[in-house]
């Protein structure tokens, strides 16, 4: 149970970071 929650949390954080990075790059290009 604990491992499953940790994996889900890590995936969510990774997605958020990736999205934030993409937004930052797109803003710099424009």
Foldseek 3Di string as FASTA:
>chain_A
DVVVVVVVVVVVVVVVVVVVVVVVVVVVVD
